[in-house]
């Protein structure tokens, strides 16, 4: 899963985040976080990922 791709309403908890909290201390279970440089896809996809990573936060109403 990808916790940056959560589209829940405010106040609703992500099942992935919930599972991470419950399972984080269990031996044999681990989580991995990847960065833009870890993406091994078409170069255009890499540019899209970079564009989203570098975007300025959008204010409500914009």
C-alpha atoms as a PDB file:
ATOM      1  CA  UNK A   1       0.000   0.000   0.000  1.00  0.00           C
ATOM      2  CA  UNK A   2       0.883   3.654  -0.128  1.00  0.00           C
ATOM      3  CA  UNK A   3      -0.072   5.915   2.774  1.00  0.00           C
ATOM      4  CA  UNK A   4       0.374   8.946   0.554  1.00  0.00           C
ATOM      5  CA  UNK A   5      -2.562   7.766  -1.545  1.00  0.00           C
ATOM      6  CA  UNK A   6      -5.304   7.854   1.066  1.00  0.00           C
ATOM      7  CA  UNK A   7      -8.571   9.469   0.047  1.00  0.00           C
ATOM      8  CA  UNK A   8     -10.635   9.051   3.200  1.00  0.00           C
ATOM      9  CA  UNK A   9     -12.851  11.722   4.680  1.00  0.00           C
ATOM     10  CA  UNK A  10     -11.455  13.737   7.603  1.00  0.00           C
ATOM     11  CA  UNK A  11     -11.593  11.729  10.805  1.00  0.00           C
ATOM     12  CA  UNK A  12     -11.553   8.322   9.100  1.00  0.00           C
ATOM     13  CA  UNK A  13      -8.505   6.162   9.760  1.00  0.00           C
ATOM     14  CA  UNK A  14      -6.629   4.381   7.019  1.00  0.00           C
ATOM     15  CA  UNK A  15      -6.656   0.613   7.352  1.00  0.00           C
ATOM     16  CA  UNK A  16      -3.013   0.590   6.278  1.00  0.00           C
ATOM     17  CA  UNK A  17      -1.990   3.076   8.976  1.00  0.00           C
ATOM     18  CA  UNK A  18      -4.033   1.097  11.520  1.00  0.00           C
ATOM     19  CA  UNK A  19      -2.302  -2.152  10.531  1.00  0.00           C
ATOM     20  CA  UNK A  20       1.120  -0.479  10.699  1.00  0.00           C
ATOM     21  CA  UNK A  21       0.415   0.698  14.253  1.00  0.00           C
ATOM     22  CA  UNK A  22      -0.743  -2.744  15.375  1.00  0.00           C
ATOM     23  CA  UNK A  23       1.980  -4.757  13.645  1.00  0.00           C
ATOM     24  CA  UNK A  24       5.038  -2.514  14.071  1.00  0.00           C
ATOM     25  CA  UNK A  25       6.429  -4.374  17.093  1.00  0.00           C
ATOM     26  CA  UNK A  26       5.901  -7.918  15.850  1.00  0.00           C
ATOM     27  CA  UNK A  27       9.128  -9.756  15.091  1.00  0.00           C
ATOM     28  CA  UNK A  28       9.309 -10.789  11.457  1.00  0.00           C
ATOM     29  CA  UNK A  29       7.107  -7.953  10.189  1.00  0.00           C
ATOM     30  CA  UNK A  30       8.679  -4.860   8.689  1.00  0.00           C
ATOM     31  CA  UNK A  31       7.691  -1.906   6.565  1.00  0.00           C
ATOM     32  CA  UNK A  32       9.581  -0.261   3.729  1.00  0.00           C
ATOM     33  CA  UNK A  33       9.465   3.326   2.529  1.00  0.00           C
ATOM     34  CA  UNK A  34      10.586   4.194  -0.954  1.00  0.00           C
ATOM     35  CA  UNK A  35      11.748   7.495  -2.384  1.00  0.00           C
ATOM     36  CA  UNK A  36      11.423   8.910  -5.856  1.00  0.00           C
ATOM     37  CA  UNK A  37      14.856   7.555  -6.803  1.00  0.00           C
ATOM     38  CA  UNK A  38      13.607   4.032  -6.028  1.00  0.00           C
ATOM     39  CA  UNK A  39      10.988   4.167  -8.768  1.00  0.00           C
ATOM     40  CA  UNK A  40      11.922   1.825 -11.603  1.00  0.00           C
ATOM     41  CA  UNK A  41       9.428   2.724 -14.289  1.00  0.00           C
ATOM     42  CA  UNK A  42       9.255   4.604 -17.531  1.00  0.00           C
ATOM     43  CA  UNK A  43      11.116   7.931 -17.298  1.00  0.00           C
ATOM     44  CA  UNK A  44       7.845   9.812 -17.836  1.00  0.00           C
ATOM     45  CA  UNK A  45       6.352   8.163 -14.745  1.00  0.00           C
ATOM     46  CA  UNK A  46       9.448   9.239 -12.789  1.00  0.00           C
ATOM     47  CA  UNK A  47       8.885  12.839 -13.916  1.00  0.00           C
ATOM     48  CA  UNK A  48       5.250  12.666 -12.787  1.00  0.00           C
ATOM     49  CA  UNK A  49       6.229  11.293  -9.363  1.00  0.00           C
ATOM     50  CA  UNK A  50       8.833  14.060  -9.007  1.00  0.00           C
ATOM     51  CA  UNK A  51       6.294  16.727  -9.997  1.00  0.00           C
ATOM     52  CA  UNK A  52       3.880  15.578  -7.292  1.00  0.00           C
ATOM     53  CA  UNK A  53       6.672  15.377  -4.708  1.00  0.00           C
ATOM     54  CA  UNK A  54       7.723  18.950  -5.515  1.00  0.00           C
ATOM     55  CA  UNK A  55       4.281  20.550  -5.707  1.00  0.00           C
ATOM     56  CA  UNK A  56       3.358  23.309  -3.316  1.00  0.00           C
ATOM     57  CA  UNK A  57       0.464  22.564  -0.937  1.00  0.00           C
ATOM     58  CA  UNK A  58      -2.865  23.717  -2.359  1.00  0.00           C
ATOM     59  CA  UNK A  59      -4.947  26.038  -0.214  1.00  0.00           C
ATOM     60  CA  UNK A  60      -8.664  25.359   0.222  1.00  0.00           C
ATOM     61  CA  UNK A  61     -10.706  27.147  -2.389  1.00  0.00           C
ATOM     62  CA  UNK A  62      -7.987  27.175  -5.068  1.00  0.00           C
END
